[in-house]
């Protein structure tokens, strides 16, 4: 039962008191009706005027096992378990070219309110290196959800005990040492390790980076001995670290992470470097405004649920929600920042 604030006033008639109570309690139904006409979810009638009418195609622009795939599947699970939408969010993997294959398909479906995809720094980095003709401005920002950090992995029996052991070997042997990642050359994982290498005194152009179609494939190739190390997100690597198959040399956070308390940061190993991996959701260009409002509100509610916070704790994700407008501004800022970084380390021409 809703309890109203006691009025401190002179005695009035019963009819007037009733009117005041109703007004103070906010009983105007039209201001709080949800999609089905009830008041349970607190959405305004304007926002509730649209909701998905068929299953949402929910795209991870990479193979299963990577960060995009994990975000899509775990958020889809949360949306279903918390009953946040009237339709299913059907996970679909469209791998290739660091996300460019999926983006090329999505860009041709402008205005479709039933198609969403996972996004992270490659949506900016891949176009900057010329590997995609489409960039973040060709899509609709929906919501930023969280941030993660990059981790460098080796096999459990690797001779490298610290990140400086790996970097020293790269300085001495150059391209003989290979570092794999789950994104295209010049994209997120490449920039993450190249930036750290530069800070350690390595010429980024001598770094032998091997791109794979997702963090899962990169780690599989590391286990198979096809690369010497892998850089990927903490969230997607945590299972392999905990199982003992892979060992972490460094994490790109400014302080040690609770989920990897025994892994030193770059900073703790005298390399002044940090790198954030944000993740969010975008849709095709020209999505109806009412659809954008529905989704951004849905995700805001999602990141506050117990289900999502338990998942985030397990995966080492840090909630960093932004609505559509805020996310759009953030993307523009990231574009400027990454353009400068790529020029500085020689991955694009100035």
Foldseek 3Di string as FASTA:
>chain_A
DDDFDDDDDDDDDPVVVVVVVCVRSPVPQQQQQALVSHRVPRDHPLLSVDADPEEAAEEEAFDPLFDFNVVSVLLQVLCVVVVLGPYHHDYDYNWDQQNQRVVVVQLVVAQDLRYKGKDWFQLQQSVLLVSHVHHPVQWFFQKWWWKFWKWKKAFLPAPDDAVVVVLVVCVVPFQVAEEEEQGDCRTDQLLRVLVLSVLVVDQSVSHHYDYDRHRVVRVVCRLVVVHGMYMGTQLSCLVCCVVRRMDTREIQDPAAAPSCNPHHHSVVVVRPGHDMIIMGMIHGHPHDPSSSSSRLVSSVVSSPDPSNVVSCVNRVIGTDMDGRVVVVVVSVVSNVVSSVSCCVSVSDPD
